[in-house]
Amino acid sequence: MKHFKNKVVIVTGAGAGIGRELCCQLSKMRATVVVADIREDHAKMTADQIMNSGRTANYMRVDVASEMDIQHLIDVTVLQYGRIDYMFNNAGIAIGGDVRDLTLAQWKKVMDINFSGVLYGSMIAYQVMAKQGFGHIINTASATGLMPQPGNTPYCASKHAVVGFSQSLRYEGVDLGVKVSTICPGHVQTDIYKNMTVANVANEKIVQSLPIGAMNPREAVDIILKGVIKNKAIIIFPASVRWAWRIYRFFPRLLDQAWLQKIRRIRKLKNGS
């Protein structure tokens, strides 16, 4: 894809999963990639993987929940390269369980990373891109940003916020030359669920209950980048998620039992059944 050749790209949450694969694929396309992750060792691993393939990469420890960290990331990138072509706000976490068992501190942590992190990355990059007259912001939401996900309500709420914010910003950016796209994937083979906290449920039970056949990150990123090139408003995948979304939009009651089974399954796991 020559589309990304010589472009300056920032990717947050780039230490693993979709973020790492984005960095690797974009670097193969000769983009200049800035690898950002709160886990500096993971960011370095991504950068090393790129450099071991004969390409260049810069990495930086960034806590996306910190406005100062995001401001520094973008300031350093602009100072070094003179512009930002693409901003992938990809970092995220999941904390779930029965809402009765969740604390407000857990809610705040999810919203700080999943929504505020996207907000900071988008708004600070947006200011730069509006002055440039070009640029593309790509925010990672989820299929749960389009539909309910009982048992993972904080994550679902944060991703709904990302979708609403991103789609609104997309229209504001049109006359300024700034594009905005939202990524809404289904289950992808990343560490987010392995690292997930579920209130009063052992993590291994959650991992064992995950659906079979999750998409490979490489396949997911291929779909994402093709969608970015086409400037799609919402990049939804796989096909099963697109169909579920259509059903939910037009015949929401058909999925009532699916949503009820989700929270019932969480409660059974909590009770040790």
C-alpha atoms as a PDB file:
ATOM      1  CA  MET A   1       0.000   0.000   0.000  1.00  0.00           C
ATOM      2  CA  LYS A   2       1.874   3.055  -1.276  1.00  0.00           C
ATOM      3  CA  HIS A   3      -0.732   5.202   0.456  1.00  0.00           C
ATOM      4  CA  PHE A   4       1.301   5.173   3.698  1.00  0.00           C
ATOM      5  CA  LYS A   5       4.776   5.628   2.209  1.00  0.00           C
ATOM      6  CA  ASN A   6       6.745   8.396   3.974  1.00  0.00           C
ATOM      7  CA  LYS A   7       3.774   9.238   6.223  1.00  0.00           C
ATOM      8  CA  VAL A   8       4.274  10.128   9.895  1.00  0.00           C
ATOM      9  CA  VAL A   9       2.164   7.872  12.097  1.00  0.00           C
ATOM     10  CA  ILE A  10       1.611   7.712  15.871  1.00  0.00           C
ATOM     11  CA  VAL A  11       0.146   4.531  17.372  1.00  0.00           C
ATOM     12  CA  THR A  12      -0.831   4.305  21.046  1.00  0.00           C
ATOM     13  CA  GLY A  13      -1.228   0.968  22.781  1.00  0.00           C
ATOM     14  CA  ALA A  14       1.459  -0.190  20.362  1.00  0.00           C
ATOM     15  CA  GLY A  15       3.175  -2.664  22.694  1.00  0.00           C
ATOM     16  CA  ALA A  16       1.046  -5.648  21.692  1.00  0.00           C
ATOM     17  CA  GLY A  17      -1.943  -6.885  19.724  1.00  0.00           C
ATOM     18  CA  ILE A  18      -3.530  -4.649  17.113  1.00  0.00           C
ATOM     19  CA  GLY A  19      -1.244  -1.748  18.031  1.00  0.00           C
ATOM     20  CA  ARG A  20       1.936  -3.739  17.463  1.00  0.00           C
ATOM     21  CA  GLU A  21       0.626  -5.187  14.217  1.00  0.00           C
ATOM     22  CA  LEU A  22      -0.334  -1.710  12.985  1.00  0.00           C
ATOM     23  CA  CYS A  23       3.204  -0.501  13.619  1.00  0.00           C
ATOM     24  CA  CYS A  24       4.784  -3.490  11.882  1.00  0.00           C
ATOM     25  CA  GLN A  25       2.556  -3.353   8.818  1.00  0.00           C
ATOM     26  CA  LEU A  26       2.821   0.430   8.469  1.00  0.00           C
ATOM     27  CA  SER A  27       6.606   0.279   8.730  1.00  0.00           C
ATOM     28  CA  LYS A  28       6.654  -2.319   5.948  1.00  0.00           C
ATOM     29  CA  MET A  29       4.792   0.242   3.861  1.00  0.00           C
ATOM     30  CA  ARG A  30       7.615   2.717   4.586  1.00  0.00           C
ATOM     31  CA  ALA A  31       5.713   4.873   7.031  1.00  0.00           C
ATOM     32  CA  THR A  32       7.617   6.565   9.858  1.00  0.00           C
ATOM     33  CA  VAL A  33       6.079   5.049  12.993  1.00  0.00           C
ATOM     34  CA  VAL A  34       6.131   6.414  16.538  1.00  0.00           C
ATOM     35  CA  VAL A  35       5.444   3.531  18.934  1.00  0.00           C
ATOM     36  CA  ALA A  36       3.698   4.619  22.142  1.00  0.00           C
ATOM     37  CA  ASP A  37       2.728   2.424  25.093  1.00  0.00           C
ATOM     38  CA  ILE A  38       2.559   2.757  28.872  1.00  0.00           C
ATOM     39  CA  ARG A  39       4.724  -0.368  29.094  1.00  0.00           C
ATOM     40  CA  GLU A  40       8.044   0.964  27.846  1.00  0.00           C
ATOM     41  CA  ASP A  41       9.540  -2.516  27.536  1.00  0.00           C
ATOM     42  CA  HIS A  42       6.660  -3.572  25.257  1.00  0.00           C
ATOM     43  CA  ALA A  43       7.031  -0.418  23.167  1.00  0.00           C
ATOM     44  CA  LYS A  44      10.735  -1.179  22.803  1.00  0.00           C
ATOM     45  CA  MET A  45       9.929  -4.759  21.746  1.00  0.00           C
ATOM     46  CA  THR A  46       7.707  -3.433  18.956  1.00  0.00           C
ATOM     47  CA  ALA A  47      10.358  -0.947  17.858  1.00  0.00           C
ATOM     48  CA  ASP A  48      13.058  -3.653  17.993  1.00  0.00           C
ATOM     49  CA  GLN A  49      10.905  -5.967  15.867  1.00  0.00           C
ATOM     50  CA  ILE A  50      10.673  -3.220  13.250  1.00  0.00           C
ATOM     51  CA  MET A  51      14.375  -2.335  13.406  1.00  0.00           C
ATOM     52  CA  ASN A  52      15.392  -6.003  13.185  1.00  0.00           C
ATOM     53  CA  SER A  53      13.643  -6.021   9.816  1.00  0.00           C
ATOM     54  CA  GLY A  54      15.883  -3.212   8.599  1.00  0.00           C
ATOM     55  CA  ARG A  55      13.476  -0.360   9.143  1.00  0.00           C
ATOM     56  CA  THR A  56      13.460   2.546  11.603  1.00  0.00           C
ATOM     57  CA  ALA A  57      11.136   3.196  14.521  1.00  0.00           C
ATOM     58  CA  ASN A  58      10.954   5.463  17.538  1.00  0.00           C
ATOM     59  CA  TYR A  59       9.294   4.487  20.783  1.00  0.00           C
ATOM     60  CA  MET A  60       8.105   6.371  23.828  1.00  0.00           C
ATOM     61  CA  ARG A  61       6.511   5.527  27.158  1.00  0.00           C
ATOM     62  CA  VAL A  62       3.091   7.200  27.161  1.00  0.00           C
ATOM     63  CA  ASP A  63       0.219   6.969  29.622  1.00  0.00           C
ATOM     64  CA  VAL A  64      -2.778   7.883  27.473  1.00  0.00           C
ATOM     65  CA  ALA A  65      -4.760   8.801  30.604  1.00  0.00           C
ATOM     66  CA  SER A  66      -2.302  11.677  31.086  1.00  0.00           C
ATOM     67  CA  GLU A  67      -3.004  14.764  29.005  1.00  0.00           C
ATOM     68  CA  MET A  68       0.594  15.882  29.605  1.00  0.00           C
ATOM     69  CA  ASP A  69       1.985  12.608  28.240  1.00  0.00           C
ATOM     70  CA  ILE A  70      -0.106  12.872  25.075  1.00  0.00           C
ATOM     71  CA  GLN A  71       0.830  16.531  24.617  1.00  0.00           C
ATOM     72  CA  HIS A  72       4.509  15.619  24.969  1.00  0.00           C
ATOM     73  CA  LEU A  73       4.162  12.720  22.515  1.00  0.00           C
ATOM     74  CA  ILE A  74       2.615  14.933  19.853  1.00  0.00           C
ATOM     75  CA  ASP A  75       4.931  17.893  20.506  1.00  0.00           C
ATOM     76  CA  VAL A  76       8.030  15.701  20.150  1.00  0.00           C
ATOM     77  CA  THR A  77       6.694  14.080  16.972  1.00  0.00           C
ATOM     78  CA  VAL A  78       5.889  17.432  15.340  1.00  0.00           C
ATOM     79  CA  LEU A  79       9.238  18.859  16.408  1.00  0.00           C
ATOM     80  CA  GLN A  80      11.102  15.888  14.928  1.00  0.00           C
ATOM     81  CA  TYR A  81       9.111  15.334  11.734  1.00  0.00           C
ATOM     82  CA  GLY A  82       7.262  18.610  11.171  1.00  0.00           C
ATOM     83  CA  ARG A  83       3.789  17.053  10.932  1.00  0.00           C
ATOM     84  CA  ILE A  84       1.465  14.178  11.827  1.00  0.00           C
ATOM     85  CA  ASP A  85      -0.310  12.330   9.028  1.00  0.00           C
ATOM     86  CA  TYR A  86      -2.067   9.627  11.056  1.00  0.00           C
ATOM     87  CA  MET A  87      -2.981   9.350  14.740  1.00  0.00           C
ATOM     88  CA  PHE A  88      -4.118   5.882  15.838  1.00  0.00           C
ATOM     89  CA  ASN A  89      -5.654   6.138  19.321  1.00  0.00           C
ATOM     90  CA  ASN A  90      -5.614   2.436  20.060  1.00  0.00           C
ATOM     91  CA  ALA A  91      -4.835   1.912  23.759  1.00  0.00           C
ATOM     92  CA  GLY A  92      -7.523   0.318  25.907  1.00  0.00           C
ATOM     93  CA  ILE A  93      -8.321  -1.911  28.881  1.00  0.00           C
ATOM     94  CA  ALA A  94     -11.295  -3.944  30.081  1.00  0.00           C
ATOM     95  CA  ILE A  95     -12.704  -4.217  33.606  1.00  0.00           C
ATOM     96  CA  GLY A  96     -15.993  -6.073  33.824  1.00  0.00           C
ATOM     97  CA  GLY A  97     -18.314  -8.145  35.926  1.00  0.00           C
ATOM     98  CA  ASP A  98     -21.677  -7.712  37.581  1.00  0.00           C
ATOM     99  CA  VAL A  99     -22.156  -3.928  37.972  1.00  0.00           C
ATOM    100  CA  ARG A 100     -23.079  -4.478  41.622  1.00  0.00           C
ATOM    101  CA  ASP A 101     -19.517  -5.677  42.249  1.00  0.00           C
ATOM    102  CA  LEU A 102     -17.679  -2.866  40.456  1.00  0.00           C
ATOM    103  CA  THR A 103     -16.214   0.169  42.204  1.00  0.00           C
ATOM    104  CA  LEU A 104     -16.336   3.739  40.959  1.00  0.00           C
ATOM    105  CA  ALA A 105     -12.519   3.662  40.906  1.00  0.00           C
ATOM    106  CA  GLN A 106     -12.668   0.807  38.397  1.00  0.00           C
ATOM    107  CA  TRP A 107     -15.167   2.725  36.279  1.00  0.00           C
ATOM    108  CA  LYS A 108     -12.917   5.778  36.352  1.00  0.00           C
ATOM    109  CA  LYS A 109      -9.856   3.769  35.301  1.00  0.00           C
ATOM    110  CA  VAL A 110     -11.658   2.357  32.268  1.00  0.00           C
ATOM    111  CA  MET A 111     -13.028   5.752  31.227  1.00  0.00           C
ATOM    112  CA  ASP A 112      -9.672   7.487  31.785  1.00  0.00           C
ATOM    113  CA  ILE A 113      -7.860   5.104  29.429  1.00  0.00           C
ATOM    114  CA  ASN A 114     -10.524   4.100  26.923  1.00  0.00           C
ATOM    115  CA  PHE A 115     -12.285   7.435  26.468  1.00  0.00           C
ATOM    116  CA  SER A 116     -10.115  10.207  27.917  1.00  0.00           C
ATOM    117  CA  GLY A 117      -7.069   8.659  26.228  1.00  0.00           C
ATOM    118  CA  VAL A 118      -8.867   8.846  22.880  1.00  0.00           C
ATOM    119  CA  LEU A 119     -10.127  12.344  23.672  1.00  0.00           C
ATOM    120  CA  TYR A 120      -6.642  13.678  24.487  1.00  0.00           C
ATOM    121  CA  GLY A 121      -5.021  12.003  21.489  1.00  0.00           C
ATOM    122  CA  SER A 122      -7.735  13.181  19.129  1.00  0.00           C
ATOM    123  CA  MET A 123      -8.050  16.755  20.326  1.00  0.00           C
ATOM    124  CA  ILE A 124      -4.335  17.503  20.532  1.00  0.00           C
ATOM    125  CA  ALA A 125      -3.638  15.869  17.159  1.00  0.00           C
ATOM    126  CA  TYR A 126      -6.733  17.589  15.716  1.00  0.00           C
ATOM    127  CA  GLN A 127      -5.310  21.021  16.549  1.00  0.00           C
ATOM    128  CA  VAL A 128      -2.079  20.156  14.717  1.00  0.00           C
ATOM    129  CA  MET A 129      -3.881  18.643  11.735  1.00  0.00           C
ATOM    130  CA  ALA A 130      -6.324  21.546  11.404  1.00  0.00           C
ATOM    131  CA  LYS A 131      -3.368  23.938  11.140  1.00  0.00           C
ATOM    132  CA  GLN A 132      -1.672  21.639   8.610  1.00  0.00           C
ATOM    133  CA  GLY A 133      -4.867  21.330   6.600  1.00  0.00           C
ATOM    134  CA  PHE A 134      -4.594  17.528   6.482  1.00  0.00           C
ATOM    135  CA  GLY A 135      -4.435  14.445   8.669  1.00  0.00           C
ATOM    136  CA  HIS A 136      -6.400  11.376   9.694  1.00  0.00           C
ATOM    137  CA  ILE A 137      -7.407  10.376  13.234  1.00  0.00           C
ATOM    138  CA  ILE A 138      -8.335   6.716  13.746  1.00  0.00           C
ATOM    139  CA  ASN A 139      -9.927   5.775  17.065  1.00  0.00           C
ATOM    140  CA  THR A 140     -10.276   2.203  18.255  1.00  0.00           C
ATOM    141  CA  ALA A 141     -13.715   1.546  19.695  1.00  0.00           C
ATOM    142  CA  SER A 142     -15.326  -1.903  19.565  1.00  0.00           C
ATOM    143  CA  ALA A 143     -18.401  -3.779  18.451  1.00  0.00           C
ATOM    144  CA  THR A 144     -19.503  -3.050  22.030  1.00  0.00           C
ATOM    145  CA  GLY A 145     -19.464   0.634  21.098  1.00  0.00           C
ATOM    146  CA  LEU A 146     -22.386  -0.127  18.796  1.00  0.00           C
ATOM    147  CA  MET A 147     -24.331  -2.664  20.874  1.00  0.00           C
ATOM    148  CA  PRO A 148     -24.784  -3.593  24.552  1.00  0.00           C
ATOM    149  CA  GLN A 149     -22.353  -5.843  26.391  1.00  0.00           C
ATOM    150  CA  PRO A 150     -23.755  -6.676  29.832  1.00  0.00           C
ATOM    151  CA  GLY A 151     -21.063  -8.057  32.092  1.00  0.00           C
ATOM    152  CA  ASN A 152     -18.578  -5.625  30.596  1.00  0.00           C
ATOM    153  CA  THR A 153     -20.539  -2.421  31.093  1.00  0.00           C
ATOM    154  CA  PRO A 154     -17.679   0.045  31.826  1.00  0.00           C
ATOM    155  CA  TYR A 155     -15.866  -1.050  28.663  1.00  0.00           C
ATOM    156  CA  CYS A 156     -19.122  -0.863  26.680  1.00  0.00           C
ATOM    157  CA  ALA A 157     -19.890   2.642  27.975  1.00  0.00           C
ATOM    158  CA  SER A 158     -16.390   3.889  27.158  1.00  0.00           C
ATOM    159  CA  LYS A 159     -16.559   2.514  23.626  1.00  0.00           C
ATOM    160  CA  HIS A 160     -19.998   4.022  23.016  1.00  0.00           C
ATOM    161  CA  ALA A 161     -18.448   7.350  24.037  1.00  0.00           C
ATOM    162  CA  VAL A 162     -15.593   6.835  21.565  1.00  0.00           C
ATOM    163  CA  VAL A 163     -18.027   6.123  18.727  1.00  0.00           C
ATOM    164  CA  GLY A 164     -20.215   9.161  19.447  1.00  0.00           C
ATOM    165  CA  PHE A 165     -17.235  11.479  19.861  1.00  0.00           C
ATOM    166  CA  SER A 166     -15.418  10.234  16.767  1.00  0.00           C
ATOM    167  CA  GLN A 167     -18.417  10.320  14.463  1.00  0.00           C
ATOM    168  CA  SER A 168     -19.255  13.873  15.552  1.00  0.00           C
ATOM    169  CA  LEU A 169     -15.650  15.024  15.152  1.00  0.00           C
ATOM    170  CA  ARG A 170     -15.581  13.498  11.676  1.00  0.00           C
ATOM    171  CA  TYR A 171     -18.143  16.048  10.437  1.00  0.00           C
ATOM    172  CA  GLU A 172     -16.368  18.940  12.141  1.00  0.00           C
ATOM    173  CA  GLY A 173     -13.099  18.008  10.457  1.00  0.00           C
ATOM    174  CA  VAL A 174     -14.360  17.834   6.870  1.00  0.00           C
ATOM    175  CA  ASP A 175     -13.901  21.522   5.994  1.00  0.00           C
ATOM    176  CA  LEU A 176     -10.529  21.588   7.773  1.00  0.00           C
ATOM    177  CA  GLY A 177      -9.032  18.668   5.860  1.00  0.00           C
ATOM    178  CA  VAL A 178      -9.039  16.369   8.894  1.00  0.00           C
ATOM    179  CA  LYS A 179     -10.484  12.869   8.511  1.00  0.00           C
ATOM    180  CA  VAL A 180     -11.757  10.777  11.418  1.00  0.00           C
ATOM    181  CA  SER A 181     -12.517   7.049  11.377  1.00  0.00           C
ATOM    182  CA  THR A 182     -13.694   4.666  14.082  1.00  0.00           C
ATOM    183  CA  ILE A 183     -12.605   1.029  14.364  1.00  0.00           C
ATOM    184  CA  CYS A 184     -15.270  -1.359  15.725  1.00  0.00           C
ATOM    185  CA  PRO A 185     -13.876  -4.906  15.783  1.00  0.00           C
ATOM    186  CA  GLY A 186     -15.316  -8.050  17.250  1.00  0.00           C
ATOM    187  CA  HIS A 187     -13.089 -10.440  19.180  1.00  0.00           C
ATOM    188  CA  VAL A 188      -9.443 -10.264  18.044  1.00  0.00           C
ATOM    189  CA  GLN A 189      -6.559 -12.360  19.381  1.00  0.00           C
ATOM    190  CA  THR A 190      -5.046  -9.766  21.724  1.00  0.00           C
ATOM    191  CA  ASP A 191      -4.111  -9.708  25.405  1.00  0.00           C
ATOM    192  CA  ILE A 192      -6.986  -7.441  26.470  1.00  0.00           C
ATOM    193  CA  TYR A 193      -9.111 -10.296  27.805  1.00  0.00           C
ATOM    194  CA  LYS A 194      -6.131 -12.159  29.246  1.00  0.00           C
ATOM    195  CA  ASN A 195      -5.322  -9.014  31.227  1.00  0.00           C
ATOM    196  CA  MET A 196      -8.963  -8.252  31.993  1.00  0.00           C
ATOM    197  CA  THR A 197     -10.175  -7.806  35.554  1.00  0.00           C
ATOM    198  CA  VAL A 198     -13.641  -9.257  36.218  1.00  0.00           C
ATOM    199  CA  ALA A 199     -15.067  -8.497  39.639  1.00  0.00           C
ATOM    200  CA  ASN A 200     -15.296 -11.630  41.802  1.00  0.00           C
ATOM    201  CA  VAL A 201     -14.485 -13.970  38.897  1.00  0.00           C
ATOM    202  CA  ALA A 202     -11.120 -15.649  38.332  1.00  0.00           C
ATOM    203  CA  ASN A 203      -9.526 -14.409  35.098  1.00  0.00           C
ATOM    204  CA  GLU A 204      -8.862 -17.932  33.824  1.00  0.00           C
ATOM    205  CA  LYS A 205     -12.608 -18.624  33.871  1.00  0.00           C
ATOM    206  CA  ILE A 206     -13.186 -15.609  31.650  1.00  0.00           C
ATOM    207  CA  VAL A 207     -10.462 -16.652  29.210  1.00  0.00           C
ATOM    208  CA  GLN A 208     -11.926 -20.179  29.031  1.00  0.00           C
ATOM    209  CA  SER A 209     -15.387 -18.757  28.272  1.00  0.00           C
ATOM    210  CA  LEU A 210     -14.255 -16.626  25.318  1.00  0.00           C
ATOM    211  CA  PRO A 211     -15.662 -17.530  21.898  1.00  0.00           C
ATOM    212  CA  ILE A 212     -13.589 -19.718  19.592  1.00  0.00           C
ATOM    213  CA  GLY A 213     -12.310 -18.359  16.297  1.00  0.00           C
ATOM    214  CA  ALA A 214     -11.084 -14.888  17.243  1.00  0.00           C
ATOM    215  CA  MET A 215      -9.529 -12.965  14.369  1.00  0.00           C
ATOM    216  CA  ASN A 216      -5.767 -12.835  13.958  1.00  0.00           C
ATOM    217  CA  PRO A 217      -4.333  -9.298  14.504  1.00  0.00           C
ATOM    218  CA  ARG A 218      -2.651  -9.369  11.098  1.00  0.00           C
ATOM    219  CA  GLU A 219      -5.971 -10.008   9.358  1.00  0.00           C
ATOM    220  CA  ALA A 220      -7.644  -7.334  11.513  1.00  0.00           C
ATOM    221  CA  VAL A 221      -5.019  -4.720  10.650  1.00  0.00           C
ATOM    222  CA  ASP A 222      -5.291  -5.501   6.955  1.00  0.00           C
ATOM    223  CA  ILE A 223      -9.021  -4.692   7.156  1.00  0.00           C
ATOM    224  CA  ILE A 224      -8.329  -1.566   9.230  1.00  0.00           C
ATOM    225  CA  LEU A 225      -5.770  -0.123   6.839  1.00  0.00           C
ATOM    226  CA  LYS A 226      -7.955  -0.786   3.790  1.00  0.00           C
ATOM    227  CA  GLY A 227     -10.771   1.028   5.594  1.00  0.00           C
ATOM    228  CA  VAL A 228      -8.499   3.953   6.446  1.00  0.00           C
ATOM    229  CA  ILE A 229      -7.423   4.294   2.818  1.00  0.00           C
ATOM    230  CA  LYS A 230     -11.103   4.459   1.829  1.00  0.00           C
ATOM    231  CA  ASN A 231     -11.743   6.980   4.634  1.00  0.00           C
ATOM    232  CA  LYS A 232     -14.561   4.859   6.035  1.00  0.00           C
ATOM    233  CA  ALA A 233     -16.497   6.451   8.868  1.00  0.00           C
ATOM    234  CA  ILE A 234     -16.803   3.178  10.817  1.00  0.00           C
ATOM    235  CA  ILE A 235     -14.649   0.121  10.129  1.00  0.00           C
ATOM    236  CA  ILE A 236     -16.660  -2.860  11.427  1.00  0.00           C
ATOM    237  CA  PHE A 237     -15.408  -6.451  11.284  1.00  0.00           C
ATOM    238  CA  PRO A 238     -15.717  -9.384  10.986  1.00  0.00           C
ATOM    239  CA  ALA A 239     -18.849  -9.995   8.905  1.00  0.00           C
ATOM    240  CA  SER A 240     -20.649 -11.590  11.876  1.00  0.00           C
ATOM    241  CA  VAL A 241     -20.352  -8.296  13.785  1.00  0.00           C
ATOM    242  CA  ARG A 242     -21.688  -6.296  10.835  1.00  0.00           C
ATOM    243  CA  TRP A 243     -24.724  -8.584  10.661  1.00  0.00           C
ATOM    244  CA  ALA A 244     -25.276  -8.425  14.444  1.00  0.00           C
ATOM    245  CA  TRP A 245     -25.143  -4.622  14.282  1.00  0.00           C
ATOM    246  CA  ARG A 246     -27.706  -4.517  11.464  1.00  0.00           C
ATOM    247  CA  ILE A 247     -30.025  -6.829  13.373  1.00  0.00           C
ATOM    248  CA  TYR A 248     -29.644  -4.739  16.526  1.00  0.00           C
ATOM    249  CA  ARG A 249     -30.375  -1.502  14.650  1.00  0.00           C
ATOM    250  CA  PHE A 250     -33.523  -2.726  12.933  1.00  0.00           C
ATOM    251  CA  PHE A 251     -34.770  -5.595  15.129  1.00  0.00           C
ATOM    252  CA  PRO A 252     -33.189  -5.052  18.571  1.00  0.00           C
ATOM    253  CA  ARG A 253     -35.578  -7.382  20.400  1.00  0.00           C
ATOM    254  CA  LEU A 254     -34.213 -10.352  18.432  1.00  0.00           C
ATOM    255  CA  LEU A 255     -30.988 -10.097  20.445  1.00  0.00           C
ATOM    256  CA  ASP A 256     -32.568  -9.748  23.889  1.00  0.00           C
ATOM    257  CA  GLN A 257     -31.808 -13.334  24.867  1.00  0.00           C
ATOM    258  CA  ALA A 258     -28.181 -13.028  23.739  1.00  0.00           C
ATOM    259  CA  TRP A 259     -27.632 -10.019  26.008  1.00  0.00           C
ATOM    260  CA  LEU A 260     -29.380 -11.727  28.946  1.00  0.00           C
ATOM    261  CA  GLN A 261     -27.260 -14.847  28.534  1.00  0.00           C
ATOM    262  CA  LYS A 262     -24.094 -12.767  28.756  1.00  0.00           C
ATOM    263  CA  ILE A 263     -24.779 -11.444  32.239  1.00  0.00           C
ATOM    264  CA  ARG A 264     -26.223 -14.776  33.380  1.00  0.00           C
ATOM    265  CA  ARG A 265     -23.004 -16.489  32.296  1.00  0.00           C
ATOM    266  CA  ILE A 266     -20.932 -13.974  34.303  1.00  0.00           C
ATOM    267  CA  ARG A 267     -23.085 -14.571  37.384  1.00  0.00           C
ATOM    268  CA  LYS A 268     -22.714 -18.348  37.058  1.00  0.00           C
ATOM    269  CA  LEU A 269     -18.940 -17.983  36.850  1.00  0.00           C
ATOM    270  CA  LYS A 270     -19.030 -15.729  39.926  1.00  0.00           C
ATOM    271  CA  ASN A 271     -21.003 -18.323  41.831  1.00  0.00           C
ATOM    272  CA  GLY A 272     -18.569 -21.049  40.824  1.00  0.00           C
ATOM    273  CA  SER A 273     -21.059 -22.970  38.705  1.00  0.00           C
END
